[in-house]
PDB file of all heavy atoms in Angstrom:
ATOM      1  N   SER A   1      33.321  67.439 102.739  1.00  0.00           N
ATOM      2  CA  SER A   1      34.318  67.136 103.893  1.00  0.00           C
ATOM      3  C   SER A   1      34.551  65.622 103.870  1.00  0.00           C
ATOM      4  O   SER A   1      33.679  64.801 103.415  1.00  0.00           O
ATOM      5  CB  SER A   1      33.830  67.495 105.193  1.00  0.00           C
ATOM      6  OG  SER A   1      33.532  68.893 105.251  1.00  0.00           O
ATOM      7  N   CYS A   2      35.838  65.196 104.286  1.00  0.00           N
ATOM      8  CA  CYS A   2      36.165  63.906 104.400  1.00  0.00           C
ATOM      9  C   CYS A   2      36.851  63.609 105.723  1.00  0.00           C
ATOM     10  O   CYS A   2      38.032  64.166 105.836  1.00  0.00           O
ATOM     11  CB  CYS A   2      37.095  63.329 103.248  1.00  0.00           C
ATOM     12  SG  CYS A   2      37.568  61.662 103.330  1.00  0.00           S
ATOM     13  N   ALA A   3      36.206  62.938 106.632  1.00  0.00           N
ATOM     14  CA  ALA A   3      36.896  62.736 107.971  1.00  0.00           C
ATOM     15  C   ALA A   3      37.670  61.340 107.960  1.00  0.00           C
ATOM     16  O   ALA A   3      37.006  60.293 107.526  1.00  0.00           O
ATOM     17  CB  ALA A   3      35.833  62.770 109.115  1.00  0.00           C
ATOM     18  N   ALA A   4      38.890  61.387 108.293  1.00  0.00           N
ATOM     19  CA  ALA A   4      39.731  60.121 108.315  1.00  0.00           C
ATOM     20  C   ALA A   4      39.880  59.714 109.755  1.00  0.00           C
ATOM     21  O   ALA A   4      40.094  60.413 110.763  1.00  0.00           O
ATOM     22  CB  ALA A   4      41.159  60.538 107.789  1.00  0.00           C
ATOM     23  N   SER A   5      39.868  58.423 109.953  1.00  0.00           N
ATOM     24  CA  SER A   5      40.110  57.785 111.299  1.00  0.00           C
ATOM     25  C   SER A   5      40.835  56.456 111.084  1.00  0.00           C
ATOM     26  O   SER A   5      40.973  55.984 110.000  1.00  0.00           O
ATOM     27  CB  SER A   5      38.687  57.509 112.022  1.00  0.00           C
ATOM     28  OG  SER A   5      37.918  56.623 111.248  1.00  0.00           O
ATOM     29  N   GLY A   6      41.153  55.914 112.222  1.00  0.00           N
ATOM     30  CA  GLY A   6      41.907  54.712 112.139  1.00  0.00           C
ATOM     31  C   GLY A   6      43.477  54.892 112.163  1.00  0.00           C
ATOM     32  O   GLY A   6      43.875  56.030 112.597  1.00  0.00           O
ATOM     33  N   ARG A   7      44.223  53.967 111.603  1.00  0.00           N
ATOM     34  CA  ARG A   7      45.616  54.164 111.624  1.00  0.00           C
ATOM     35  C   ARG A   7      46.135  54.940 110.493  1.00  0.00           C
ATOM     36  O   ARG A   7      46.282  54.465 109.352  1.00  0.00           O
ATOM     37  CB  ARG A   7      46.316  52.737 111.620  1.00  0.00           C
ATOM     38  CG  ARG A   7      47.810  52.761 111.928  1.00  0.00           C
ATOM     39  CD  ARG A   7      48.340  51.420 112.171  1.00  0.00           C
ATOM     40  NE  ARG A   7      49.681  51.391 112.675  1.00  0.00           N
ATOM     41  CZ  ARG A   7      50.265  50.345 113.031  1.00  0.00           C
ATOM     42  NH1 ARG A   7      49.759  49.195 113.047  1.00  0.00           N
ATOM     43  NH2 ARG A   7      51.569  50.337 113.426  1.00  0.00           N
ATOM     44  N   THR A   8      46.449  56.245 110.736  1.00  0.00           N
ATOM     45  CA  THR A   8      46.732  57.238 109.705  1.00  0.00           C
ATOM     46  C   THR A   8      48.175  57.648 109.687  1.00  0.00           C
ATOM     47  O   THR A   8      48.499  58.574 108.883  1.00  0.00           O
ATOM     48  CB  THR A   8      45.767  58.425 109.777  1.00  0.00           C
ATOM     49  OG1 THR A   8      46.024  59.064 111.045  1.00  0.00           O
ATOM     50  CG2 THR A   8      44.276  58.029 109.642  1.00  0.00           C
ATOM     51  N   LEU A   9      49.005  57.000 110.459  1.00  0.00           N
ATOM     52  CA  LEU A   9      50.460  57.447 110.506  1.00  0.00           C
ATOM     53  C   LEU A   9      51.118  57.299 109.278  1.00  0.00           C
ATOM     54  O   LEU A   9      52.115  57.976 109.013  1.00  0.00           O
ATOM     55  CB  LEU A   9      51.067  56.685 111.661  1.00  0.00           C
ATOM     56  CG  LEU A   9      50.623  56.899 113.102  1.00  0.00           C
ATOM     57  CD1 LEU A   9      51.324  56.132 114.093  1.00  0.00           C
ATOM     58  CD2 LEU A   9      50.654  58.343 113.436  1.00  0.00           C
ATOM     59  N   ARG A  10      50.720  56.399 108.400  1.00  0.00           N
ATOM     60  CA  ARG A  10      51.337  56.195 107.140  1.00  0.00           C
ATOM     61  C   ARG A  10      50.682  57.006 106.021  1.00  0.00           C
ATOM     62  O   ARG A  10      51.127  56.776 104.762  1.00  0.00           O
ATOM     63  CB  ARG A  10      51.373  54.665 106.793  1.00  0.00           C
ATOM     64  CG  ARG A  10      52.148  53.840 107.746  1.00  0.00           C
ATOM     65  CD  ARG A  10      51.859  52.380 107.738  1.00  0.00           C
ATOM     66  NE  ARG A  10      52.262  51.943 106.315  1.00  0.00           N
ATOM     67  CZ  ARG A  10      52.202  50.688 105.905  1.00  0.00           C
ATOM     68  NH1 ARG A  10      51.546  49.873 106.756  1.00  0.00           N
ATOM     69  NH2 ARG A  10      52.682  50.297 104.721  1.00  0.00           N
ATOM     70  N   SER A  11      49.816  57.937 106.332  1.00  0.00           N
ATOM     71  CA  SER A  11      49.155  58.672 105.231  1.00  0.00           C
ATOM     72  C   SER A  11      50.184  59.552 104.413  1.00  0.00           C
ATOM     73  O   SER A  11      51.046  60.194 105.029  1.00  0.00           O
ATOM     74  CB  SER A  11      48.190  59.621 105.871  1.00  0.00           C
ATOM     75  OG  SER A  11      47.098  58.776 106.364  1.00  0.00           O
ATOM     76  N   SER A  12      50.103  59.537 103.175  1.00  0.00           N
ATOM     77  CA  SER A  12      50.855  60.412 102.438  1.00  0.00           C
ATOM     78  C   SER A  12      50.141  61.391 101.520  1.00  0.00           C
ATOM     79  O   SER A  12      50.621  62.459 101.216  1.00  0.00           O
ATOM     80  CB  SER A  12      51.945  59.581 101.624  1.00  0.00           C
ATOM     81  OG  SER A  12      51.267  58.771 100.645  1.00  0.00           O
ATOM     82  N   ALA A  13      48.862  61.008 101.094  1.00  0.00           N
ATOM     83  CA  ALA A  13      48.178  61.960 100.238  1.00  0.00           C
ATOM     84  C   ALA A  13      46.667  61.590 100.242  1.00  0.00           C
ATOM     85  O   ALA A  13      46.349  60.482 100.692  1.00  0.00           O
ATOM     86  CB  ALA A  13      48.645  61.807  98.735  1.00  0.00           C
ATOM     87  N   MET A  14      45.904  62.510 100.093  1.00  0.00           N
ATOM     88  CA  MET A  14      44.416  62.259  99.904  1.00  0.00           C
ATOM     89  C   MET A  14      43.922  62.740  98.575  1.00  0.00           C
ATOM     90  O   MET A  14      44.467  63.717  98.061  1.00  0.00           O
ATOM     91  CB  MET A  14      43.687  62.877 101.143  1.00  0.00           C
ATOM     92  CG  MET A  14      44.068  62.506 102.446  1.00  0.00           C
ATOM     93  SD  MET A  14      43.317  60.861 102.907  1.00  0.00           S
ATOM     94  CE  MET A  14      41.614  61.224 103.003  1.00  0.00           C
ATOM     95  N   GLY A  15      42.944  62.229  98.089  1.00  0.00           N
ATOM     96  CA  GLY A  15      42.297  62.674  96.738  1.00  0.00           C
ATOM     97  C   GLY A  15      40.762  62.604  96.683  1.00  0.00           C
ATOM     98  O   GLY A  15      40.164  62.019  97.646  1.00  0.00           O
ATOM     99  N   TRP A  16      40.216  63.278  95.763  1.00  0.00           N
ATOM    100  CA  TRP A  16      38.849  63.214  95.531  1.00  0.00           C
ATOM    101  C   TRP A  16      38.621  62.882  94.174  1.00  0.00           C
ATOM    102  O   TRP A  16      39.293  63.156  93.228  1.00  0.00           O
ATOM    103  CB  TRP A  16      38.292  64.699  95.619  1.00  0.00           C
ATOM    104  CG  TRP A  16      38.110  65.131  97.112  1.00  0.00           C
ATOM    105  CD1 TRP A  16      38.986  65.903  97.776  1.00  0.00           C
ATOM    106  CD2 TRP A  16      36.918  64.837  97.950  1.00  0.00           C
ATOM    107  NE1 TRP A  16      38.475  66.080  99.051  1.00  0.00           N
ATOM    108  CE2 TRP A  16      37.294  65.511  99.186  1.00  0.00           C
ATOM    109  CE3 TRP A  16      35.785  64.170  97.877  1.00  0.00           C
ATOM    110  CZ2 TRP A  16      36.359  65.544 100.312  1.00  0.00           C
ATOM    111  CZ3 TRP A  16      34.884  64.116  98.927  1.00  0.00           C
ATOM    112  CH2 TRP A  16      35.188  64.816 100.152  1.00  0.00           C
ATOM    113  N   PHE A  17      37.651  61.883  94.043  1.00  0.00           N
ATOM    114  CA  PHE A  17      37.200  61.440  92.705  1.00  0.00           C
ATOM    115  C   PHE A  17      35.760  61.451  92.586  1.00  0.00           C
ATOM    116  O   PHE A  17      35.006  61.676  93.709  1.00  0.00           O
ATOM    117  CB  PHE A  17      37.582  59.814  92.544  1.00  0.00           C
ATOM    118  CG  PHE A  17      38.988  59.730  92.285  1.00  0.00           C
ATOM    119  CD1 PHE A  17      39.910  59.738  93.310  1.00  0.00           C
ATOM    120  CD2 PHE A  17      39.516  59.390  90.999  1.00  0.00           C
ATOM    121  CE1 PHE A  17      41.290  59.555  93.100  1.00  0.00           C
ATOM    122  CE2 PHE A  17      40.795  59.153  90.731  1.00  0.00           C
ATOM    123  CZ  PHE A  17      41.706  59.183  91.855  1.00  0.00           C
ATOM    124  N   ARG A  18      35.154  61.492  91.388  1.00  0.00           N
ATOM    125  CA  ARG A  18      33.708  61.430  91.213  1.00  0.00           C
ATOM    126  C   ARG A  18      33.328  60.415  90.103  1.00  0.00           C
ATOM    127  O   ARG A  18      34.084  60.043  89.284  1.00  0.00           O
ATOM    128  CB  ARG A  18      33.185  62.886  90.914  1.00  0.00           C
ATOM    129  CG  ARG A  18      33.742  63.361  89.440  1.00  0.00           C
ATOM    130  CD  ARG A  18      33.460  64.862  89.308  1.00  0.00           C
ATOM    131  NE  ARG A  18      33.906  65.377  88.172  1.00  0.00           N
ATOM    132  CZ  ARG A  18      33.888  66.655  87.803  1.00  0.00           C
ATOM    133  NH1 ARG A  18      33.385  67.663  88.667  1.00  0.00           N
ATOM    134  NH2 ARG A  18      34.381  67.136  86.626  1.00  0.00           N
ATOM    135  N   GLN A  19      32.118  59.900  90.220  1.00  0.00           N
ATOM    136  CA  GLN A  19      31.658  58.935  89.317  1.00  0.00           C
ATOM    137  C   GLN A  19      30.093  59.093  89.197  1.00  0.00           C
ATOM    138  O   GLN A  19      29.441  58.908  90.215  1.00  0.00           O
ATOM    139  CB  GLN A  19      31.988  57.458  89.797  1.00  0.00           C
ATOM    140  CG  GLN A  19      31.651  56.492  88.690  1.00  0.00           C
ATOM    141  CD  GLN A  19      32.268  55.166  89.085  1.00  0.00           C
ATOM    142  OE1 GLN A  19      32.454  54.822  90.279  1.00  0.00           O
ATOM    143  NE2 GLN A  19      32.495  54.355  88.066  1.00  0.00           N
ATOM    144  N   ALA A  20      29.664  59.330  87.934  1.00  0.00           N
ATOM    145  CA  ALA A  20      28.305  59.393  87.655  1.00  0.00           C
ATOM    146  C   ALA A  20      27.778  58.012  87.132  1.00  0.00           C
ATOM    147  O   ALA A  20      28.665  57.157  86.658  1.00  0.00           O
ATOM    148  CB  ALA A  20      27.962  60.392  86.547  1.00  0.00           C
ATOM    149  N   PRO A  21      26.563  57.603  87.228  1.00  0.00           N
ATOM    150  CA  PRO A  21      26.052  56.318  86.885  1.00  0.00           C
ATOM    151  C   PRO A  21      26.435  56.011  85.307  1.00  0.00           C
ATOM    152  O   PRO A  21      26.142  56.883  84.522  1.00  0.00           O
ATOM    153  CB  PRO A  21      24.555  56.387  86.947  1.00  0.00           C
ATOM    154  CG  PRO A  21      24.355  57.411  88.028  1.00  0.00           C
ATOM    155  CD  PRO A  21      25.409  58.469  87.839  1.00  0.00           C
ATOM    156  N   GLY A  22      27.035  54.871  85.193  1.00  0.00           N
ATOM    157  CA  GLY A  22      27.465  54.524  83.781  1.00  0.00           C
ATOM    158  C   GLY A  22      28.626  55.107  83.232  1.00  0.00           C
ATOM    159  O   GLY A  22      29.006  54.931  82.076  1.00  0.00           O
ATOM    160  N   LYS A  23      29.337  56.005  84.156  1.00  0.00           N
ATOM    161  CA  LYS A  23      30.542  56.663  83.711  1.00  0.00           C
ATOM    162  C   LYS A  23      31.728  56.187  84.431  1.00  0.00           C
ATOM    163  O   LYS A  23      31.591  55.483  85.411  1.00  0.00           O
ATOM    164  CB  LYS A  23      30.394  58.097  84.006  1.00  0.00           C
ATOM    165  CG  LYS A  23      29.248  58.804  83.225  1.00  0.00           C
ATOM    166  CD  LYS A  23      29.176  58.809  81.726  1.00  0.00           C
ATOM    167  CE  LYS A  23      27.947  59.531  81.181  1.00  0.00           C
ATOM    168  NZ  LYS A  23      28.073  59.477  79.690  1.00  0.00           N
ATOM    169  N   GLU A  24      32.862  56.449  83.879  1.00  0.00           N
ATOM    170  CA  GLU A  24      34.108  56.086  84.555  1.00  0.00           C
ATOM    171  C   GLU A  24      34.408  56.990  85.652  1.00  0.00           C
ATOM    172  O   GLU A  24      34.066  58.108  85.673  1.00  0.00           O
ATOM    173  CB  GLU A  24      35.247  56.100  83.587  1.00  0.00           C
ATOM    174  CG  GLU A  24      35.162  55.079  82.264  1.00  0.00           C
ATOM    175  CD  GLU A  24      36.346  55.093  81.497  1.00  0.00           C
ATOM    176  OE1 GLU A  24      37.305  55.950  81.640  1.00  0.00           O
ATOM    177  OE2 GLU A  24      36.312  54.206  80.575  1.00  0.00           O
ATOM    178  N   ARG A  25      35.145  56.514  86.579  1.00  0.00           N
ATOM    179  CA  ARG A  25      35.660  57.192  87.780  1.00  0.00           C
ATOM    180  C   ARG A  25      36.649  58.371  87.242  1.00  0.00           C
ATOM    181  O   ARG A  25      37.580  58.085  86.496  1.00  0.00           O
ATOM    182  CB  ARG A  25      36.263  56.271  88.657  1.00  0.00           C
ATOM    183  CG  ARG A  25      36.868  57.033  89.954  1.00  0.00           C
ATOM    184  CD  ARG A  25      37.362  55.883  90.916  1.00  0.00           C
ATOM    185  NE  ARG A  25      38.300  55.028  90.271  1.00  0.00           N
ATOM    186  CZ  ARG A  25      38.650  53.847  90.767  1.00  0.00           C
ATOM    187  NH1 ARG A  25      38.200  53.355  91.898  1.00  0.00           N
ATOM    188  NH2 ARG A  25      39.508  53.055  90.061  1.00  0.00           N
ATOM    189  N   GLU A  26      36.500  59.487  87.792  1.00  0.00           N
ATOM    190  CA  GLU A  26      37.172  60.679  87.284  1.00  0.00           C
ATOM    191  C   GLU A  26      37.929  61.378  88.335  1.00  0.00           C
ATOM    192  O   GLU A  26      37.396  61.634  89.586  1.00  0.00           O
ATOM    193  CB  GLU A  26      36.257  61.686  86.622  1.00  0.00           C
ATOM    194  CG  GLU A  26      36.986  63.016  86.034  1.00  0.00           C
ATOM    195  CD  GLU A  26      35.939  64.084  85.669  1.00  0.00           C
ATOM    196  OE1 GLU A  26      34.779  63.938  85.998  1.00  0.00           O
ATOM    197  OE2 GLU A  26      36.378  64.923  84.861  1.00  0.00           O
ATOM    198  N   PHE A  27      39.195  61.629  88.198  1.00  0.00           N
ATOM    199  CA  PHE A  27      39.963  62.360  89.157  1.00  0.00           C
ATOM    200  C   PHE A  27      39.590  63.772  89.280  1.00  0.00           C
ATOM    201  O   PHE A  27      39.391  64.458  88.247  1.00  0.00           O
ATOM    202  CB  PHE A  27      41.528  62.283  88.766  1.00  0.00           C
ATOM    203  CG  PHE A  27      42.395  63.168  89.651  1.00  0.00           C
ATOM    204  CD1 PHE A  27      42.738  62.903  90.952  1.00  0.00           C
ATOM    205  CD2 PHE A  27      43.041  64.187  88.997  1.00  0.00           C
ATOM    206  CE1 PHE A  27      43.499  63.713  91.638  1.00  0.00           C
ATOM    207  CE2 PHE A  27      43.839  65.096  89.602  1.00  0.00           C
ATOM    208  CZ  PHE A  27      44.090  64.745  90.991  1.00  0.00           C
ATOM    209  N   VAL A  28      39.514  64.267  90.564  1.00  0.00           N
ATOM    210  CA  VAL A  28      38.978  65.716  90.794  1.00  0.00           C
ATOM    211  C   VAL A  28      40.133  66.560  91.447  1.00  0.00           C
ATOM    212  O   VAL A  28      40.343  67.576  91.095  1.00  0.00           O
ATOM    213  CB  VAL A  28      37.864  65.609  91.661  1.00  0.00           C
ATOM    214  CG1 VAL A  28      37.353  67.007  91.987  1.00  0.00           C
ATOM    215  CG2 VAL A  28      36.614  64.910  90.950  1.00  0.00           C
ATOM    216  N   ALA A  29      40.691  66.007  92.440  1.00  0.00           N
ATOM    217  CA  ALA A  29      41.848  66.783  93.151  1.00  0.00           C
ATOM    218  C   ALA A  29      42.611  65.814  94.072  1.00  0.00           C
ATOM    219  O   ALA A  29      42.075  64.777  94.450  1.00  0.00           O
ATOM    220  CB  ALA A  29      41.134  67.942  94.033  1.00  0.00           C
ATOM    221  N   ALA A  30      43.778  66.260  94.455  1.00  0.00           N
ATOM    222  CA  ALA A  30      44.610  65.474  95.536  1.00  0.00           C
ATOM    223  C   ALA A  30      45.530  66.463  96.149  1.00  0.00           C
ATOM    224  O   ALA A  30      45.745  67.691  95.712  1.00  0.00           O
ATOM    225  CB  ALA A  30      45.489  64.478  94.703  1.00  0.00           C
ATOM    226  N   ILE A  31      45.859  66.105  97.371  1.00  0.00           N
ATOM    227  CA  ILE A  31      46.660  66.992  98.250  1.00  0.00           C
ATOM    228  C   ILE A  31      47.592  66.059  99.039  1.00  0.00           C
ATOM    229  O   ILE A  31      47.244  64.941  99.628  1.00  0.00           O
ATOM    230  CB  ILE A  31      45.856  67.792  99.164  1.00  0.00           C
ATOM    231  CG1 ILE A  31      46.791  68.824  99.999  1.00  0.00           C
ATOM    232  CG2 ILE A  31      44.970  67.007 100.063  1.00  0.00           C
ATOM    233  CD1 ILE A  31      45.994  69.929 100.657  1.00  0.00           C
ATOM    234  N   SER A  32      48.949  66.381  99.273  1.00  0.00           N
ATOM    235  CA  SER A  32      49.738  65.620 100.123  1.00  0.00           C
ATOM    236  C   SER A  32      49.460  66.135 101.500  1.00  0.00           C
ATOM    237  O   SER A  32      49.249  67.281 101.851  1.00  0.00           O
ATOM    238  CB  SER A  32      51.201  65.979  99.702  1.00  0.00           C
ATOM    239  OG  SER A  32      51.595  67.445  99.822  1.00  0.00           O
ATOM    240  N   TRP A  33      49.496  65.123 102.452  1.00  0.00           N
ATOM    241  CA  TRP A  33      49.011  65.319 103.755  1.00  0.00           C
ATOM    242  C   TRP A  33      50.021  66.343 104.534  1.00  0.00           C
ATOM    243  O   TRP A  33      49.455  67.167 105.144  1.00  0.00           O
ATOM    244  CB  TRP A  33      48.937  64.031 104.585  1.00  0.00           C
ATOM    245  CG  TRP A  33      48.301  64.150 105.896  1.00  0.00           C
ATOM    246  CD1 TRP A  33      48.718  64.211 107.048  1.00  0.00           C
ATOM    247  CD2 TRP A  33      46.814  64.410 106.069  1.00  0.00           C
ATOM    248  NE1 TRP A  33      47.873  64.382 107.990  1.00  0.00           N
ATOM    249  CE2 TRP A  33      46.505  64.660 107.476  1.00  0.00           C
ATOM    250  CE3 TRP A  33      45.612  64.609 105.304  1.00  0.00           C
ATOM    251  CZ2 TRP A  33      45.308  64.762 107.993  1.00  0.00           C
ATOM    252  CZ3 TRP A  33      44.386  64.800 105.706  1.00  0.00           C
ATOM    253  CH2 TRP A  33      44.306  65.013 107.135  1.00  0.00           C
ATOM    254  N   GLY A  34      51.310  66.013 104.471  1.00  0.00           N
ATOM    255  CA  GLY A  34      52.267  66.804 105.201  1.00  0.00           C
ATOM    256  C   GLY A  34      52.580  68.138 104.398  1.00  0.00           C
ATOM    257  O   GLY A  34      52.543  69.265 105.045  1.00  0.00           O
ATOM    258  N   GLY A  35      52.950  68.182 103.146  1.00  0.00           N
ATOM    259  CA  GLY A  35      53.452  69.284 102.596  1.00  0.00           C
ATOM    260  C   GLY A  35      52.402  70.162 101.967  1.00  0.00           C
ATOM    261  O   GLY A  35      52.617  71.372 101.674  1.00  0.00           O
ATOM    262  N   GLY A  36      51.149  69.521 101.603  1.00  0.00           N
ATOM    263  CA  GLY A  36      50.101  70.399 101.199  1.00  0.00           C
ATOM    264  C   GLY A  36      50.160  70.722  99.519  1.00  0.00           C
ATOM    265  O   GLY A  36      49.377  71.470  99.150  1.00  0.00           O
ATOM    266  N   SER A  37      51.057  69.998  98.941  1.00  0.00           N
ATOM    267  CA  SER A  37      50.995  70.218  97.526  1.00  0.00           C
ATOM    268  C   SER A  37      49.688  69.664  96.914  1.00  0.00           C
ATOM    269  O   SER A  37      49.158  68.626  97.296  1.00  0.00           O
ATOM    270  CB  SER A  37      52.157  69.367  96.872  1.00  0.00           C
ATOM    271  OG  SER A  37      53.431  69.924  97.340  1.00  0.00           O
ATOM    272  N   THR A  38      49.110  70.431  96.008  1.00  0.00           N
ATOM    273  CA  THR A  38      47.843  70.092  95.337  1.00  0.00           C
ATOM    274  C   THR A  38      47.926  69.757  93.829  1.00  0.00           C
ATOM    275  O   THR A  38      48.789  70.270  93.163  1.00  0.00           O
ATOM    276  CB  THR A  38      46.786  71.241  95.658  1.00  0.00           C
ATOM    277  OG1 THR A  38      47.346  72.428  95.105  1.00  0.00           O
ATOM    278  CG2 THR A  38      46.669  71.461  97.088  1.00  0.00           C
ATOM    279  N   TYR A  39      46.985  69.037  93.379  1.00  0.00           N
ATOM    280  CA  TYR A  39      46.986  68.605  92.077  1.00  0.00           C
ATOM    281  C   TYR A  39      45.461  68.626  91.427  1.00  0.00           C
ATOM    282  O   TYR A  39      44.567  68.194  92.319  1.00  0.00           O
ATOM    283  CB  TYR A  39      47.486  67.149  91.971  1.00  0.00           C
ATOM    284  CG  TYR A  39      48.828  66.968  92.561  1.00  0.00           C
ATOM    285  CD1 TYR A  39      49.002  66.613  93.841  1.00  0.00           C
ATOM    286  CD2 TYR A  39      50.013  67.231  91.887  1.00  0.00           C
ATOM    287  CE1 TYR A  39      50.106  66.463  94.461  1.00  0.00           C
ATOM    288  CE2 TYR A  39      51.228  67.065  92.448  1.00  0.00           C
ATOM    289  CZ  TYR A  39      51.261  66.666  93.844  1.00  0.00           C
ATOM    290  OH  TYR A  39      52.555  66.525  94.340  1.00  0.00           O
ATOM    291  N   TYR A  40      45.293  69.087  90.318  1.00  0.00           N
ATOM    292  CA  TYR A  40      43.850  69.230  89.735  1.00  0.00           C
ATOM    293  C   TYR A  40      43.930  68.872  88.226  1.00  0.00           C
ATOM    294  O   TYR A  40      44.936  69.206  87.644  1.00  0.00           O
ATOM    295  CB  TYR A  40      43.321  70.569  89.954  1.00  0.00           C
ATOM    296  CG  TYR A  40      43.292  71.126  91.320  1.00  0.00           C
ATOM    297  CD1 TYR A  40      44.326  72.043  91.833  1.00  0.00           C
ATOM    298  CD2 TYR A  40      42.200  70.885  92.158  1.00  0.00           C
ATOM    299  CE1 TYR A  40      44.314  72.521  93.019  1.00  0.00           C
ATOM    300  CE2 TYR A  40      42.176  71.413  93.395  1.00  0.00           C
ATOM    301  CZ  TYR A  40      43.228  72.209  93.904  1.00  0.00           C
ATOM    302  OH  TYR A  40      43.198  72.682  95.050  1.00  0.00           O
ATOM    303  N   PRO A  41      43.036  68.224  87.766  1.00  0.00           N
ATOM    304  CA  PRO A  41      42.757  68.275  86.364  1.00  0.00           C
ATOM    305  C   PRO A  41      42.354  69.599  85.745  1.00  0.00           C
ATOM    306  O   PRO A  41      41.891  70.439  86.478  1.00  0.00           O
ATOM    307  CB  PRO A  41      41.757  67.102  86.095  1.00  0.00           C
ATOM    308  CG  PRO A  41      40.843  67.269  87.264  1.00  0.00           C
ATOM    309  CD  PRO A  41      41.798  67.570  88.370  1.00  0.00           C
ATOM    310  N   ASP A  42      42.582  69.775  84.436  1.00  0.00           N
ATOM    311  CA  ASP A  42      42.236  71.072  83.880  1.00  0.00           C
ATOM    312  C   ASP A  42      40.762  71.368  83.918  1.00  0.00           C
ATOM    313  O   ASP A  42      40.347  72.521  83.867  1.00  0.00           O
ATOM    314  CB  ASP A  42      42.669  71.014  82.374  1.00  0.00           C
ATOM    315  CG  ASP A  42      44.163  71.177  82.156  1.00  0.00           C
ATOM    316  OD1 ASP A  42      44.834  71.498  83.145  1.00  0.00           O
ATOM    317  OD2 ASP A  42      44.602  70.842  81.134  1.00  0.00           O
ATOM    318  N   SER A  43      39.993  70.334  84.132  1.00  0.00           N
ATOM    319  CA  SER A  43      38.499  70.461  84.066  1.00  0.00           C
ATOM    320  C   SER A  43      37.932  71.230  85.199  1.00  0.00           C
ATOM    321  O   SER A  43      36.947  71.936  85.197  1.00  0.00           O
ATOM    322  CB  SER A  43      37.756  69.190  83.890  1.00  0.00           C
ATOM    323  OG  SER A  43      38.114  68.292  84.960  1.00  0.00           O
ATOM    324  N   VAL A  44      38.659  71.227  86.455  1.00  0.00           N
ATOM    325  CA  VAL A  44      38.293  71.838  87.593  1.00  0.00           C
ATOM    326  C   VAL A  44      39.220  72.979  88.173  1.00  0.00           C
ATOM    327  O   VAL A  44      38.913  73.627  89.040  1.00  0.00           O
ATOM    328  CB  VAL A  44      37.971  70.863  88.764  1.00  0.00           C
ATOM    329  CG1 VAL A  44      37.067  69.748  88.301  1.00  0.00           C
ATOM    330  CG2 VAL A  44      39.364  70.253  89.239  1.00  0.00           C
ATOM    331  N   LYS A  45      40.336  73.012  87.535  1.00  0.00           N
ATOM    332  CA  LYS A  45      41.404  73.950  87.908  1.00  0.00           C
ATOM    333  C   LYS A  45      40.941  75.375  87.851  1.00  0.00           C
ATOM    334  O   LYS A  45      40.247  75.900  87.006  1.00  0.00           O
ATOM    335  CB  LYS A  45      42.582  73.829  87.011  1.00  0.00           C
ATOM    336  CG  LYS A  45      43.812  74.680  87.685  1.00  0.00           C
ATOM    337  CD  LYS A  45      45.062  74.356  86.802  1.00  0.00           C
ATOM    338  CE  LYS A  45      45.501  72.872  86.855  1.00  0.00           C
ATOM    339  NZ  LYS A  45      46.743  72.548  86.158  1.00  0.00           N
TER     340      LYS A  45
END
C-alpha cells in the first residue's frame, strides 16, 4: 500500500519501482490517478 498526503490536486499518475542492493532501480507498475490506465513491464505482467 502507498498512502498519499499533502497537496495532491496536481496528481496525474502513480508508480511502483523496486531496487535490490547493488542493482538498478526497476519499473514495476504505474496507474493514472483519474482514468485508471495501467502499465506493466513484461517481467510482472
